[in-house]
Amino acid sequence: MENITHLEFNFQTKDNLKLYAQAWKSDQNPKAVICLVHGHGEHSGRYEELAGRFNKRGLAFCGFDLRGHGKSEGKRGHSPSYPYFIDDYIRFQNEVRKLFPDTPVVLYGHSMGGSIALVMLLRHSVNVNAAIVTSPWIKLAMTPSAFKVGLAKAVRNILPGLVQSTGLDANSISQMSDEVKAYTSDPLVHDKISVATFTCVYKAGLWILNNASKLQTPLLIIHGTGDKITSHNASVEFVEKAGELAQIKLWEGLYHETHHEKEREEIFNYIMSWLDKFNF
């Protein structure tokens, strides 16, 4: 078995926060590098098993902890505005390119990270060869009431950094009890979200659907139809509007973290068969 090298590094944001990042690679020069944007409340370390799968297939895997998440600095669950997420990612990818020069980049976003990935693709903020998005937060599975959304927008103008619990039921992330236990016992996982972050991601979802036709990068979306956190129907709507560059694969009955379901190997093989078309 090939040796896997694990690298850790930090980089600075435009407002001087120190963000934590890590990379996994095999001994061989990678044919592509996966750049991860994780979901809300979690961190890049939860993708180590997935990184290993990509490593075995000749791809490097890099991720960073979003501001206010994991080992990165920042108020838990808070970003002043959406553009900070994008700028943070661009800085991260610049660091990755130093580690892996002249290597094709595949953007990989999950949940809120899927929202960030889609906005960057549609705004043409990043130069990547392809993108994979799983269970994106375009819309929530349970649509918040107009009153709650209106209240959040009003409070944002007064107390944008106000943090509340997301109310996330950990049992909704996976049907695998060991994965739920790992999530709930992880000290780096949190359930906090600020008013500013919620409102900007909510508005981003509407913008994503309205601008889907601007997609210019090959994109694969993976979503479970049993997802109780984000809407798989919104993912279908996006792909229908985005055109031929976008492809979706729905997995019947699977929950939010498809990479942590028992079908994970089958899902990974599907992703790899899609990536193999690009002959990296």
Protein backbone atom coordinates (compact mmCIF):
# COMPACT_ATOMS: atom_id res chain seq x y z
CA MET A 1 0.00 0.00 0.00
CA GLU A 2 1.22 3.48 -0.86
CA ASN A 3 2.25 5.82 1.92
CA ILE A 4 -0.12 8.72 2.51
CA THR A 5 1.44 12.06 3.44
CA HIS A 6 -0.63 14.37 5.62
CA LEU A 7 0.27 18.07 5.47
CA GLU A 8 -1.07 20.84 7.72
CA PHE A 9 -0.79 24.55 7.02
CA ASN A 10 -2.40 27.89 7.84
CA PHE A 11 -3.22 30.98 5.81
CA GLN A 12 -4.52 34.47 6.57
CA THR A 13 -7.85 35.97 5.59
CA LYS A 14 -8.28 39.56 4.40
CA ASP A 15 -9.48 40.48 7.91
CA ASN A 16 -6.47 38.76 9.52
CA LEU A 17 -7.99 35.53 10.76
CA LYS A 18 -5.79 32.43 10.71
CA LEU A 19 -7.50 29.56 8.92
CA TYR A 20 -6.42 25.94 9.27
CA ALA A 21 -5.93 23.73 6.20
CA GLN A 22 -4.70 20.23 5.49
CA ALA A 23 -3.84 17.97 2.57
CA TRP A 24 -3.53 14.26 1.96
CA LYS A 25 -1.49 12.80 -0.91
CA SER A 26 0.11 9.53 -1.93
CA ASP A 27 3.74 9.06 -3.01
CA GLN A 28 2.86 9.54 -6.67
CA ASN A 29 2.30 12.88 -8.35
CA PRO A 30 -1.46 13.40 -8.30
CA LYS A 31 -3.38 13.51 -11.57
CA ALA A 32 -5.73 16.06 -9.96
CA VAL A 33 -6.34 17.68 -6.58
CA ILE A 34 -9.72 17.81 -4.84
CA CYS A 35 -10.35 21.11 -3.03
CA LEU A 36 -12.99 20.76 -0.31
CA VAL A 37 -15.45 23.29 1.10
CA HIS A 38 -17.15 21.56 4.04
CA GLY A 39 -20.62 22.07 5.47
CA HIS A 40 -21.87 24.32 8.24
CA GLY A 41 -20.94 23.34 11.79
CA GLU A 42 -18.36 20.72 10.80
CA HIS A 43 -14.71 20.74 9.63
CA SER A 44 -12.30 19.34 7.05
CA GLY A 45 -11.03 16.58 9.34
CA ARG A 46 -14.34 14.74 8.93
CA TYR A 47 -13.34 13.96 5.33
CA GLU A 48 -10.18 11.95 6.07
CA GLU A 49 -11.74 8.65 4.99
CA LEU A 50 -12.98 10.21 1.73
CA ALA A 51 -9.53 11.73 1.18
CA GLY A 52 -8.03 8.25 1.47
CA ARG A 53 -10.37 6.93 -1.21
CA PHE A 54 -9.29 9.68 -3.61
CA ASN A 55 -5.62 9.10 -2.71
CA LYS A 56 -5.89 5.43 -3.66
CA ARG A 57 -7.18 6.51 -7.07
CA GLY A 58 -4.29 8.90 -7.69
CA LEU A 59 -5.84 12.20 -6.58
CA ALA A 60 -4.67 14.52 -3.80
CA PHE A 61 -7.27 15.90 -1.38
CA CYS A 62 -7.10 19.28 0.35
CA GLY A 63 -9.50 21.02 2.70
CA PHE A 64 -9.65 23.97 5.05
CA ASP A 65 -11.79 24.78 8.06
CA LEU A 66 -14.14 27.64 7.26
CA ARG A 67 -13.91 30.77 9.41
CA GLY A 68 -15.66 30.11 12.71
CA HIS A 69 -15.29 26.35 12.25
CA GLY A 70 -12.96 23.55 13.31
CA LYS A 71 -9.39 24.65 14.01
CA SER A 72 -9.79 28.00 12.24
CA GLU A 73 -10.16 31.33 14.00
CA GLY A 74 -13.35 33.37 14.02
CA LYS A 75 -16.58 33.52 15.97
CA ARG A 76 -18.24 30.10 15.82
CA GLY A 77 -20.77 29.85 13.01
CA HIS A 78 -20.32 33.43 11.85
CA SER A 79 -19.18 35.20 8.70
CA PRO A 80 -19.72 38.96 8.28
CA SER A 81 -21.03 38.41 4.74
CA TYR A 82 -21.00 35.89 1.91
CA PRO A 83 -18.06 37.42 -0.02
CA TYR A 84 -15.79 36.56 2.94
CA PHE A 85 -16.46 32.85 2.29
CA ILE A 86 -15.49 33.27 -1.35
CA ASP A 87 -12.35 35.26 -0.64
CA ASP A 88 -11.29 32.70 1.99
CA TYR A 89 -11.65 29.89 -0.55
CA ILE A 90 -9.70 31.75 -3.23
CA ARG A 91 -6.84 32.25 -0.77
CA PHE A 92 -6.99 28.56 0.13
CA GLN A 93 -6.87 27.47 -3.51
CA ASN A 94 -3.88 29.76 -4.10
CA GLU A 95 -2.07 27.91 -1.29
CA VAL A 96 -3.05 24.55 -2.81
CA ARG A 97 -1.63 25.61 -6.17
CA LYS A 98 1.71 26.25 -4.45
CA LEU A 99 1.66 22.66 -3.15
CA PHE A 100 0.46 21.15 -6.42
CA PRO A 101 1.55 23.42 -9.30
CA ASP A 102 0.18 22.65 -12.75
CA THR A 103 -2.24 20.08 -11.31
CA PRO A 104 -5.91 20.10 -12.39
CA VAL A 105 -8.24 21.27 -9.61
CA VAL A 106 -11.64 19.75 -8.80
CA LEU A 107 -13.83 21.83 -6.50
CA TYR A 108 -15.79 19.73 -3.97
CA GLY A 109 -18.51 21.36 -1.88
CA HIS A 110 -20.86 19.79 0.67
CA SER A 111 -24.06 21.35 2.06
CA MET A 112 -23.25 25.01 2.88
CA GLY A 113 -19.93 24.35 1.15
CA GLY A 114 -22.00 23.30 -1.85
CA SER A 115 -23.71 26.70 -1.78
CA ILE A 116 -20.33 28.43 -1.68
CA ALA A 117 -19.04 26.25 -4.52
CA LEU A 118 -22.07 26.95 -6.73
CA VAL A 119 -21.88 30.71 -6.18
CA MET A 120 -18.18 30.70 -7.08
CA LEU A 121 -18.84 28.66 -10.22
CA LEU A 122 -21.71 30.89 -11.36
CA ARG A 123 -19.77 34.09 -10.63
CA HIS A 124 -16.70 32.59 -12.33
CA SER A 125 -14.68 33.49 -9.22
CA VAL A 126 -12.43 30.43 -9.44
CA ASN A 127 -10.54 28.59 -12.14
CA VAL A 128 -11.23 24.87 -11.70
CA ASN A 129 -11.44 21.97 -14.14
CA ALA A 130 -14.58 20.37 -12.72
CA ALA A 131 -16.80 20.46 -9.63
CA ILE A 132 -18.59 17.98 -7.41
CA VAL A 133 -21.32 19.17 -5.05
CA THR A 134 -23.09 16.97 -2.51
CA SER A 135 -26.36 17.82 -0.76
CA PRO A 136 -26.03 21.55 -1.47
CA TRP A 137 -27.80 24.12 0.68
CA ILE A 138 -29.77 25.77 -2.12
CA LYS A 139 -32.96 25.44 -0.14
CA LEU A 140 -33.55 23.77 3.19
CA ALA A 141 -35.64 20.60 3.25
CA MET A 142 -38.04 22.35 5.63
CA THR A 143 -38.66 25.84 4.26
CA PRO A 144 -38.43 28.47 7.01
CA SER A 145 -41.53 30.62 7.40
CA ALA A 146 -41.66 34.08 5.84
CA PHE A 147 -41.90 35.46 9.37
CA LYS A 148 -38.64 33.77 10.44
CA VAL A 149 -36.82 34.92 7.32
CA GLY A 150 -38.14 38.46 7.73
CA LEU A 151 -37.16 38.51 11.40
CA ALA A 152 -33.65 37.29 10.56
CA LYS A 153 -33.23 40.02 7.93
CA ALA A 154 -34.42 42.66 10.39
CA VAL A 155 -32.16 41.44 13.20
CA ARG A 156 -29.21 41.25 10.80
CA ASN A 157 -29.22 45.04 10.45
CA ILE A 158 -29.01 45.44 14.23
CA LEU A 159 -27.16 42.35 15.50
CA PRO A 160 -25.58 40.55 12.53
CA GLY A 161 -23.28 38.55 14.78
CA LEU A 162 -26.09 37.21 16.97
CA VAL A 163 -25.54 33.45 17.21
CA GLN A 164 -28.25 30.87 17.77
CA SER A 165 -28.51 27.08 17.62
CA THR A 166 -29.25 25.60 14.20
CA GLY A 167 -31.52 23.05 15.84
CA LEU A 168 -29.95 20.37 13.66
CA ASP A 169 -30.96 16.80 14.54
CA ALA A 170 -27.72 14.82 14.29
CA ASN A 171 -29.70 11.71 13.39
CA SER A 172 -30.47 13.38 10.05
CA ILE A 173 -26.88 13.34 8.81
CA SER A 174 -26.63 9.58 8.22
CA GLN A 175 -28.54 6.34 8.73
CA MET A 176 -25.33 4.85 10.15
CA SER A 177 -25.44 5.06 13.95
CA ASP A 178 -21.64 5.04 14.26
CA GLU A 179 -21.43 8.11 12.01
CA VAL A 180 -24.04 9.94 14.11
CA LYS A 181 -22.10 9.04 17.27
CA ALA A 182 -18.83 10.27 15.74
CA TYR A 183 -20.52 13.54 14.80
CA THR A 184 -22.09 14.18 18.21
CA SER A 185 -18.89 13.30 20.09
CA ASP A 186 -16.61 15.43 17.88
CA PRO A 187 -15.41 18.44 19.92
CA LEU A 188 -14.79 20.44 16.73
CA VAL A 189 -18.42 20.13 15.57
CA HIS A 190 -20.85 22.86 16.65
CA ASP A 191 -24.51 23.80 16.10
CA LYS A 192 -24.09 27.60 16.05
CA ILE A 193 -25.10 29.92 13.23
CA SER A 194 -25.21 33.70 13.20
CA VAL A 195 -28.07 35.78 11.82
CA ALA A 196 -25.71 37.20 9.17
CA THR A 197 -24.59 33.76 8.00
CA PHE A 198 -28.11 32.33 7.83
CA THR A 199 -29.53 35.27 5.87
CA CYS A 200 -26.64 35.42 3.39
CA VAL A 201 -26.74 31.68 2.67
CA TYR A 202 -30.55 31.76 2.38
CA LYS A 203 -30.34 34.62 -0.14
CA ALA A 204 -27.49 32.89 -1.98
CA GLY A 205 -29.75 29.88 -2.59
CA LEU A 206 -32.32 32.06 -4.35
CA TRP A 207 -29.54 33.71 -6.38
CA ILE A 208 -28.12 30.30 -7.37
CA LEU A 209 -31.45 29.21 -8.87
CA ASN A 210 -31.89 32.51 -10.69
CA ASN A 211 -28.38 32.34 -12.20
CA ALA A 212 -28.01 28.62 -12.91
CA SER A 213 -27.70 29.21 -16.66
CA LYS A 214 -24.34 30.97 -16.10
CA LEU A 215 -22.62 27.66 -15.34
CA GLN A 216 -19.51 27.14 -17.49
CA THR A 217 -17.80 24.32 -15.57
CA PRO A 218 -18.64 20.58 -15.68
CA LEU A 219 -20.59 19.83 -12.50
CA LEU A 220 -21.85 16.69 -10.78
CA ILE A 221 -24.41 16.99 -7.98
CA ILE A 222 -25.02 14.08 -5.60
CA HIS A 223 -28.10 14.19 -3.35
CA GLY A 224 -30.06 11.68 -1.30
CA THR A 225 -33.86 11.79 -1.60
CA GLY A 226 -34.12 11.10 2.13
CA ASP A 227 -32.21 14.28 3.03
CA LYS A 228 -34.08 16.05 5.84
CA ILE A 229 -31.62 18.98 5.97
CA THR A 230 -31.28 20.31 2.42
CA SER A 231 -33.73 19.98 -0.46
CA HIS A 232 -32.93 17.48 -3.20
CA ASN A 233 -35.76 19.01 -5.25
CA ALA A 234 -33.85 22.31 -5.30
CA SER A 235 -30.81 20.44 -6.65
CA VAL A 236 -32.96 18.96 -9.43
CA GLU A 237 -34.36 22.42 -10.23
CA PHE A 238 -30.83 23.84 -10.45
CA VAL A 239 -29.61 21.16 -12.86
CA GLU A 240 -32.67 21.61 -15.06
CA LYS A 241 -31.90 25.33 -15.31
CA ALA A 242 -28.11 24.95 -15.63
CA GLY A 243 -28.07 22.99 -18.86
CA GLU A 244 -25.86 20.23 -20.25
CA LEU A 245 -22.75 20.98 -18.17
CA ALA A 246 -24.61 19.94 -15.00
CA GLN A 247 -25.49 16.37 -14.07
CA ILE A 248 -27.33 15.07 -11.01
CA LYS A 249 -27.43 11.63 -9.42
CA LEU A 250 -30.13 11.09 -6.82
CA TRP A 251 -29.71 8.27 -4.30
CA GLU A 252 -33.04 6.90 -3.15
CA GLY A 253 -33.68 7.33 0.59
CA LEU A 254 -30.15 8.42 1.52
CA TYR A 255 -29.62 11.10 4.16
CA HIS A 256 -27.61 14.35 4.12
CA GLU A 257 -24.04 13.01 4.27
CA THR A 258 -24.03 10.55 1.39
CA HIS A 259 -20.28 10.02 1.93
CA HIS A 260 -21.14 8.66 5.40
CA GLU A 261 -23.91 6.28 4.33
CA LYS A 262 -23.41 2.52 3.89
CA GLU A 263 -23.54 3.05 0.11
CA ARG A 264 -20.48 5.32 0.28
CA GLU A 265 -18.25 3.06 -1.82
CA GLU A 266 -20.85 2.79 -4.59
CA ILE A 267 -21.28 6.58 -4.52
CA PHE A 268 -17.52 7.15 -4.62
CA ASN A 269 -17.16 4.81 -7.61
CA TYR A 270 -19.89 6.77 -9.39
CA ILE A 271 -18.01 10.03 -8.72
CA MET A 272 -14.77 8.51 -10.01
CA SER A 273 -16.42 7.20 -13.18
CA TRP A 274 -17.64 10.76 -13.81
CA LEU A 275 -14.18 12.24 -13.14
CA ASP A 276 -12.47 9.65 -15.36
CA LYS A 277 -14.17 11.25 -18.38
CA PHE A 278 -11.81 14.22 -18.06
CA ASN A 279 -8.60 12.17 -18.39
CA PHE A 280 -6.71 14.22 -15.81
